[in-house]
Amino acid sequence: MRERQRLDEQITAIERLERELTDHTDMIDLAEAEGDSAVVAEAEEGLKGLKAEAERRQIETMLSGEADGNSAYLEVHAGAGGTESQDWAAMLMRMYARFAEHNGYKAETLEVHDGEEAGVKSATLLIKGPSAYGWLKTESGVHRLVRISPFDSQARRHTSFASVWVYPVVDDSIAVEINESDVRTDTYRASGAGGQHVNTTDSAVRLTHIPTGIVVQCQNERSQHKNRATAWAMLRARLYEAELEKREAAAADAAASKTEIGWGHQIRSYVLQPYQLVKDLRTGVESTSPQDVLDGDLLPFMEAALARRVGGERAVPSS
């Protein structure tokens, strides 16, 4: 049913684009015949809007991977640098939550490890909605921030790093087999808000997949049982994502089109001082409005990265 709904929406959108294209071109022909320049200008603006939507729809056709239509888990981890990098990780967490809000997705916080003074050491978000993973998957990598530190009494410029990792939610249509004897389960007390219950109950759950070393944890629910179920779902998703990476690497010798996740692999730079610029180091896409980007305006970067990932030649102008 989800697949049918997705196809219905795509067909309806194409039919609407064709209909509006015909309406606008007919309007231009009539207005030119009558010498009505105002109507011509209005119709031309409408055509520009259709062109932008058609380009967006074209990008969406690239979301054809096995799990691209699924929701996504998104992890943020602060790099070395203490409070400064932890604050940057919190800024990234907010950026993706705002992206979700602006694009019709729901962002749910599954796990947060707060920093000592400010920010977060790590956090995991669940981004729910159709094709969330398809859009977000190219965000995996290291993000670099340059700014005047609000935590430096001498107002010096600091460079901070944080990593983002995106992997798909595995639904019932995808089977992932895990040998329970390969998984170590640890429980611990959750941190953060929650009152007396947080301080007295080992409700948080951490799972370690021993053969791969993959670790997941969840503490957002008061119930250990619910946290355990969520953690197992996250572990299945992580193992599935690892298998997808193996397949992709095996299928394409051109690993240059694939983002490698690691601290030595920066994908985007955000400069707030001495000038303002966000630049994607893979595609060259730039924005001179970092605040808009940090408020979730990420689609131009995602579109260009998707086009590059599938070997497209589409150029995306700087914003």
Protein backbone atom coordinates (compact mmCIF):
# COMPACT_ATOMS: atom_id res chain seq x y z
CA MET A 1 0.00 0.00 0.00
CA ARG A 2 2.87 2.40 0.77
CA GLU A 3 4.41 1.67 -2.63
CA ARG A 4 1.08 2.21 -4.36
CA GLN A 5 0.54 5.49 -2.54
CA ARG A 6 4.04 6.66 -3.49
CA LEU A 7 3.49 5.84 -7.17
CA ASP A 8 0.04 7.49 -7.14
CA GLU A 9 1.55 10.67 -5.71
CA GLN A 10 4.28 10.71 -8.35
CA ILE A 11 1.87 10.18 -11.23
CA THR A 12 -0.52 12.84 -9.89
CA ALA A 13 2.36 15.30 -9.54
CA ILE A 14 3.52 14.71 -13.13
CA GLU A 15 0.00 15.11 -14.49
CA ARG A 16 -0.41 18.36 -12.53
CA LEU A 17 2.92 19.69 -13.84
CA GLU A 18 1.88 18.91 -17.43
CA ARG A 19 -1.50 20.57 -16.92
CA GLU A 20 -0.06 23.73 -15.35
CA LEU A 21 2.66 23.93 -18.03
CA THR A 22 -0.04 23.92 -20.72
CA ASP A 23 -2.11 26.51 -18.81
CA HIS A 24 0.84 28.89 -18.43
CA THR A 25 2.01 28.62 -22.05
CA ASP A 26 -1.55 29.13 -23.33
CA MET A 27 -1.88 32.16 -21.07
CA ILE A 28 1.35 33.63 -22.45
CA ASP A 29 0.15 33.14 -26.04
CA LEU A 30 -3.16 34.88 -25.31
CA ALA A 31 -1.56 37.71 -23.32
CA GLU A 32 1.03 38.39 -26.02
CA ALA A 33 -1.71 38.51 -28.63
CA GLU A 34 -3.55 41.09 -26.51
CA GLY A 35 -0.39 42.96 -25.51
CA ASP A 36 -0.92 42.35 -21.77
CA SER A 37 2.64 42.37 -20.41
CA ALA A 38 1.51 42.01 -16.77
CA VAL A 39 -0.18 38.68 -17.47
CA VAL A 40 2.85 37.52 -19.48
CA ALA A 41 5.14 38.32 -16.53
CA GLU A 42 2.83 36.49 -14.12
CA ALA A 43 2.75 33.39 -16.32
CA GLU A 44 6.53 33.45 -16.72
CA GLU A 45 6.91 33.49 -12.93
CA GLY A 46 4.60 30.50 -12.79
CA LEU A 47 6.80 28.68 -15.30
CA LYS A 48 9.87 29.38 -13.16
CA GLY A 49 8.11 27.79 -10.20
CA LEU A 50 7.20 24.75 -12.30
CA LYS A 51 10.81 24.43 -13.44
CA ALA A 52 12.03 24.39 -9.83
CA GLU A 53 9.46 21.75 -8.87
CA ALA A 54 10.32 19.62 -11.91
CA GLU A 55 13.99 19.70 -10.90
CA ARG A 56 13.05 18.62 -7.39
CA ARG A 57 10.97 15.76 -8.80
CA GLN A 58 13.88 14.76 -11.00
CA ILE A 59 16.11 14.49 -7.94
CA GLU A 60 13.48 12.37 -6.21
CA THR A 61 13.78 9.79 -9.00
CA MET A 62 17.29 9.17 -7.66
CA LEU A 63 15.79 7.89 -4.41
CA SER A 64 15.44 4.39 -5.81
CA GLY A 65 17.75 2.50 -3.45
CA GLU A 66 16.49 -0.51 -1.54
CA ALA A 67 15.90 1.48 1.65
CA ASP A 68 15.61 5.03 0.28
CA GLY A 69 11.88 5.16 0.97
CA ASN A 70 12.31 4.39 4.68
CA SER A 71 12.55 6.56 7.74
CA ALA A 72 16.06 7.20 9.09
CA TYR A 73 18.14 7.15 12.24
CA LEU A 74 20.56 10.06 12.47
CA GLU A 75 23.44 10.09 14.96
CA VAL A 76 25.52 13.14 15.86
CA HIS A 77 28.85 12.80 17.69
CA ALA A 78 30.98 15.66 18.97
CA GLY A 79 34.66 15.59 18.03
CA ALA A 80 37.65 16.47 20.14
CA GLY A 81 37.51 19.93 21.63
CA GLY A 82 35.28 19.69 24.67
CA THR A 83 32.53 22.25 25.12
CA GLU A 84 33.09 23.93 21.75
CA SER A 85 32.60 20.76 19.70
CA GLN A 86 29.75 19.59 21.95
CA ASP A 87 27.93 22.86 21.32
CA TRP A 88 28.49 22.32 17.58
CA ALA A 89 27.00 18.83 17.85
CA ALA A 90 23.91 20.34 19.51
CA MET A 91 23.66 22.89 16.69
CA LEU A 92 23.74 20.08 14.12
CA MET A 93 21.09 18.17 16.07
CA ARG A 94 18.84 21.24 15.94
CA MET A 95 19.61 21.76 12.22
CA TYR A 96 18.34 18.31 11.29
CA ALA A 97 15.30 18.66 13.54
CA ARG A 98 14.45 21.90 11.73
CA PHE A 99 15.04 20.23 8.34
CA ALA A 100 12.54 17.56 9.35
CA GLU A 101 10.02 20.18 10.49
CA HIS A 102 10.30 22.17 7.24
CA ASN A 103 9.92 19.11 5.00
CA GLY A 104 7.01 17.30 6.60
CA TYR A 105 9.00 14.79 8.64
CA LYS A 106 8.77 14.08 12.35
CA ALA A 107 11.98 14.15 14.41
CA GLU A 108 12.02 12.10 17.60
CA THR A 109 14.96 12.15 20.03
CA LEU A 110 15.93 8.60 20.99
CA GLU A 111 19.11 9.21 22.97
CA VAL A 112 21.14 12.20 24.17
CA HIS A 113 24.39 12.37 26.13
CA ASP A 114 24.70 15.94 27.36
CA GLY A 115 28.01 17.80 27.45
CA GLU A 116 29.57 18.82 30.75
CA GLU A 117 28.93 22.56 30.29
CA ALA A 118 26.88 22.91 27.11
CA GLY A 119 25.84 21.00 24.01
CA VAL A 120 25.82 17.24 23.58
CA LYS A 121 28.46 14.54 23.36
CA SER A 122 26.21 12.42 21.19
CA ALA A 123 22.58 12.17 20.17
CA THR A 124 20.36 9.93 18.07
CA LEU A 125 17.29 11.19 16.21
CA LEU A 126 14.60 9.17 14.46
CA ILE A 127 13.44 11.05 11.35
CA LYS A 128 10.08 9.60 10.39
CA GLY A 129 8.53 9.96 6.95
CA PRO A 130 8.61 8.71 3.35
CA SER A 131 12.10 8.82 1.78
CA ALA A 132 13.71 10.35 4.87
CA TYR A 133 16.71 8.03 4.50
CA GLY A 134 16.93 8.70 0.77
CA TRP A 135 17.29 12.43 1.38
CA LEU A 136 19.47 12.28 4.49
CA LYS A 137 21.88 9.49 3.54
CA THR A 138 24.41 11.85 1.94
CA GLU A 139 24.71 13.80 5.21
CA SER A 140 26.93 11.12 6.76
CA GLY A 141 30.43 12.42 7.38
CA VAL A 142 32.35 15.09 9.25
CA HIS A 143 30.99 18.64 9.56
CA ARG A 144 33.39 21.50 10.36
CA LEU A 145 32.49 24.78 12.09
CA VAL A 146 34.61 27.96 12.19
CA ARG A 147 33.42 30.79 14.45
CA ILE A 148 34.28 33.14 17.29
CA SER A 149 33.75 30.90 20.29
CA PRO A 150 31.09 32.08 22.76
CA PHE A 151 32.95 30.05 25.39
CA ASP A 152 36.30 31.84 24.91
CA SER A 153 36.71 34.91 27.14
CA GLN A 154 39.26 36.28 24.66
CA ALA A 155 36.82 35.92 21.74
CA ARG A 156 39.23 33.90 19.61
CA ARG A 157 38.24 32.01 16.49
CA HIS A 158 37.82 28.25 16.97
CA THR A 159 37.41 25.31 14.59
CA SER A 160 35.17 22.47 15.74
CA PHE A 161 34.26 19.10 14.28
CA ALA A 162 31.30 16.77 14.68
CA SER A 163 30.34 13.64 12.78
CA VAL A 164 26.93 12.67 11.44
CA TRP A 165 25.89 9.13 10.64
CA VAL A 166 22.61 8.25 8.90
CA TYR A 167 21.21 4.75 8.50
CA PRO A 168 17.76 3.46 7.47
CA VAL A 169 14.98 2.20 9.68
CA VAL A 170 14.49 -1.46 8.79
CA ASP A 171 10.83 -2.33 8.32
CA ASP A 172 9.16 -5.76 8.25
CA SER A 173 9.82 -6.15 4.52
CA ILE A 174 13.58 -6.41 5.18
CA ALA A 175 14.84 -9.45 7.06
CA VAL A 176 17.96 -9.04 9.19
CA GLU A 177 19.09 -12.11 11.12
CA ILE A 178 21.01 -11.56 14.35
CA ASN A 179 22.36 -14.30 16.59
CA GLU A 180 21.42 -13.19 20.11
CA SER A 181 24.54 -14.85 21.50
CA ASP A 182 26.57 -12.33 19.47
CA VAL A 183 24.96 -9.40 21.30
CA ARG A 184 25.92 -8.12 24.76
CA THR A 185 23.21 -6.21 26.62
CA ASP A 186 24.00 -3.58 29.26
CA THR A 187 21.53 -1.50 31.25
CA TYR A 188 22.29 1.77 32.97
CA ARG A 189 20.60 4.83 34.41
CA ALA A 190 19.42 7.36 31.89
CA SER A 191 20.69 10.92 32.04
CA GLY A 192 18.83 14.18 31.62
CA ALA A 193 15.29 15.18 32.53
CA GLY A 194 12.95 12.65 34.08
CA GLY A 195 12.92 13.26 37.80
CA GLN A 196 13.42 10.61 40.45
CA HIS A 197 12.75 7.75 38.05
CA VAL A 198 15.86 8.61 36.00
CA ASN A 199 18.08 8.52 39.06
CA THR A 200 16.82 5.24 40.52
CA THR A 201 16.03 2.93 37.58
CA ASP A 202 18.36 1.24 35.09
CA SER A 203 15.99 1.91 32.18
CA ALA A 204 18.54 2.80 29.49
CA VAL A 205 19.75 -0.05 27.26
CA ARG A 206 23.02 -0.48 25.36
CA LEU A 207 23.52 -3.30 22.84
CA THR A 208 26.95 -4.34 21.53
CA HIS A 209 27.19 -6.57 18.46
CA ILE A 210 30.41 -8.40 19.25
CA PRO A 211 31.40 -9.60 15.73
CA THR A 212 31.21 -6.09 14.24
CA GLY A 213 31.74 -3.91 17.29
CA ILE A 214 28.56 -1.94 16.50
CA VAL A 215 27.07 -0.29 19.59
CA VAL A 216 23.58 1.21 19.89
CA GLN A 217 21.81 2.67 22.90
CA CYS A 218 18.41 4.06 23.78
CA GLN A 219 17.16 5.92 26.83
CA ASN A 220 14.20 7.98 25.66
CA GLU A 221 11.50 5.79 27.28
CA ARG A 222 10.89 5.29 31.00
CA SER A 223 10.42 1.58 30.35
CA GLN A 224 13.50 -0.62 29.96
CA HIS A 225 11.37 -2.97 27.87
CA LYS A 226 10.54 -0.23 25.34
CA ASN A 227 14.13 0.98 25.24
CA ARG A 228 15.31 -2.58 24.64
CA ALA A 229 12.90 -3.00 21.72
CA THR A 230 14.01 0.30 20.19
CA ALA A 231 17.68 -0.59 20.65
CA TRP A 232 17.18 -3.92 18.85
CA ALA A 233 15.46 -2.10 15.97
CA MET A 234 18.41 0.31 15.79
CA LEU A 235 20.90 -2.58 15.82
CA ARG A 236 19.08 -4.31 12.94
CA ALA A 237 19.17 -1.03 11.04
CA ARG A 238 22.90 -0.53 11.67
CA LEU A 239 23.73 -4.06 10.50
CA TYR A 240 21.54 -3.60 7.44
CA GLU A 241 23.23 -0.29 6.63
CA ALA A 242 26.63 -1.98 6.95
CA GLU A 243 25.50 -4.64 4.47
CA LEU A 244 24.29 -1.94 2.06
CA GLU A 245 27.73 -0.33 2.23
CA LYS A 246 29.39 -3.65 1.37
CA ARG A 247 27.10 -4.13 -1.62
CA GLU A 248 27.67 -0.61 -2.86
CA ALA A 249 31.43 -0.91 -2.53
CA ALA A 250 31.41 -4.25 -4.34
CA ALA A 251 29.14 -3.01 -7.12
CA ALA A 252 31.12 0.14 -7.85
CA ASP A 253 34.86 0.41 -8.14
CA ALA A 254 34.27 4.15 -8.33
CA ALA A 255 34.12 4.55 -4.58
CA ALA A 256 34.77 8.23 -5.18
CA SER A 257 31.02 8.63 -5.60
CA LYS A 258 30.43 7.19 -2.17
CA THR A 259 30.88 9.16 1.03
CA GLU A 260 33.21 7.43 3.46
CA ILE A 261 32.38 7.97 7.09
CA GLY A 262 35.39 8.92 9.18
CA TRP A 263 36.97 11.74 11.11
CA GLY A 264 39.40 12.38 8.27
CA HIS A 265 36.64 12.89 5.71
CA GLN A 266 35.02 16.31 5.94
CA ILE A 267 31.96 16.78 3.78
CA ARG A 268 30.92 20.33 4.65
CA SER A 269 32.40 23.46 6.16
CA TYR A 270 30.35 26.09 8.01
CA VAL A 271 32.15 29.43 8.47
CA LEU A 272 30.45 32.05 10.65
CA GLN A 273 33.50 34.33 11.19
CA PRO A 274 35.42 36.14 9.75
CA TYR A 275 33.03 35.76 6.78
CA GLN A 276 29.82 33.78 6.29
CA LEU A 277 29.86 30.74 4.03
CA VAL A 278 28.69 27.15 4.02
CA LYS A 279 30.46 25.01 1.42
CA ASP A 280 30.00 21.37 0.55
CA LEU A 281 33.47 20.00 -0.14
CA ARG A 282 32.17 17.17 -2.32
CA THR A 283 29.99 19.11 -4.74
CA GLY A 284 31.14 22.72 -4.41
CA VAL A 285 27.62 23.92 -3.56
CA GLU A 286 27.78 27.06 -1.42
CA SER A 287 25.48 29.26 0.64
CA THR A 288 26.34 32.72 1.93
CA SER A 289 23.53 32.46 4.49
CA PRO A 290 24.76 30.03 7.18
CA GLN A 291 21.86 30.87 9.49
CA ASP A 292 19.37 29.63 6.90
CA VAL A 293 21.36 26.41 6.55
CA LEU A 294 21.51 25.94 10.33
CA ASP A 295 17.74 26.50 10.35
CA GLY A 296 17.33 23.45 8.11
CA ASP A 297 17.73 24.78 4.55
CA LEU A 298 19.63 21.70 3.37
CA LEU A 299 17.87 20.61 0.19
CA PRO A 300 20.31 22.28 -2.27
CA PHE A 301 23.21 20.41 -0.62
CA MET A 302 21.31 17.11 -0.54
CA GLU A 303 20.18 17.41 -4.16
CA ALA A 304 23.72 18.01 -5.43
CA ALA A 305 25.14 15.20 -3.30
CA LEU A 306 22.48 12.78 -4.55
CA ALA A 307 23.20 13.76 -8.16
CA ARG A 308 26.91 13.22 -7.59
CA ARG A 309 26.33 9.91 -5.84
CA VAL A 310 24.49 8.44 -8.81
CA GLY A 311 26.90 9.98 -11.29
CA GLY A 312 24.65 12.79 -12.47
CA GLU A 313 25.90 15.96 -14.09
CA ARG A 314 23.24 18.31 -12.73
CA ALA A 315 24.72 21.59 -11.56
CA VAL A 316 23.13 23.27 -8.57
CA PRO A 317 23.71 27.02 -8.30
CA SER A 318 25.03 28.60 -5.13
CA SER A 319 22.36 30.12 -2.92
